């Protein structure tokens, strides 16, 4: 399983399962990712995990 390093990757991607119920990789939700990029562009201080968890 690949590690997701950035806040953007951690909170805009989800597990994609293969047919045999094995980990198949990370699937990014495009609309969620675009929205997060917009917020991060406006306020770079939002790179802390705690903000996105709350």
Foldseek 3Di string as FASTA:
>chain_A
DDDDDFLLRVQFWDFDADPVRDTDDIDGDVVVSVVVVVVCVVPVVPRDNVNVVD
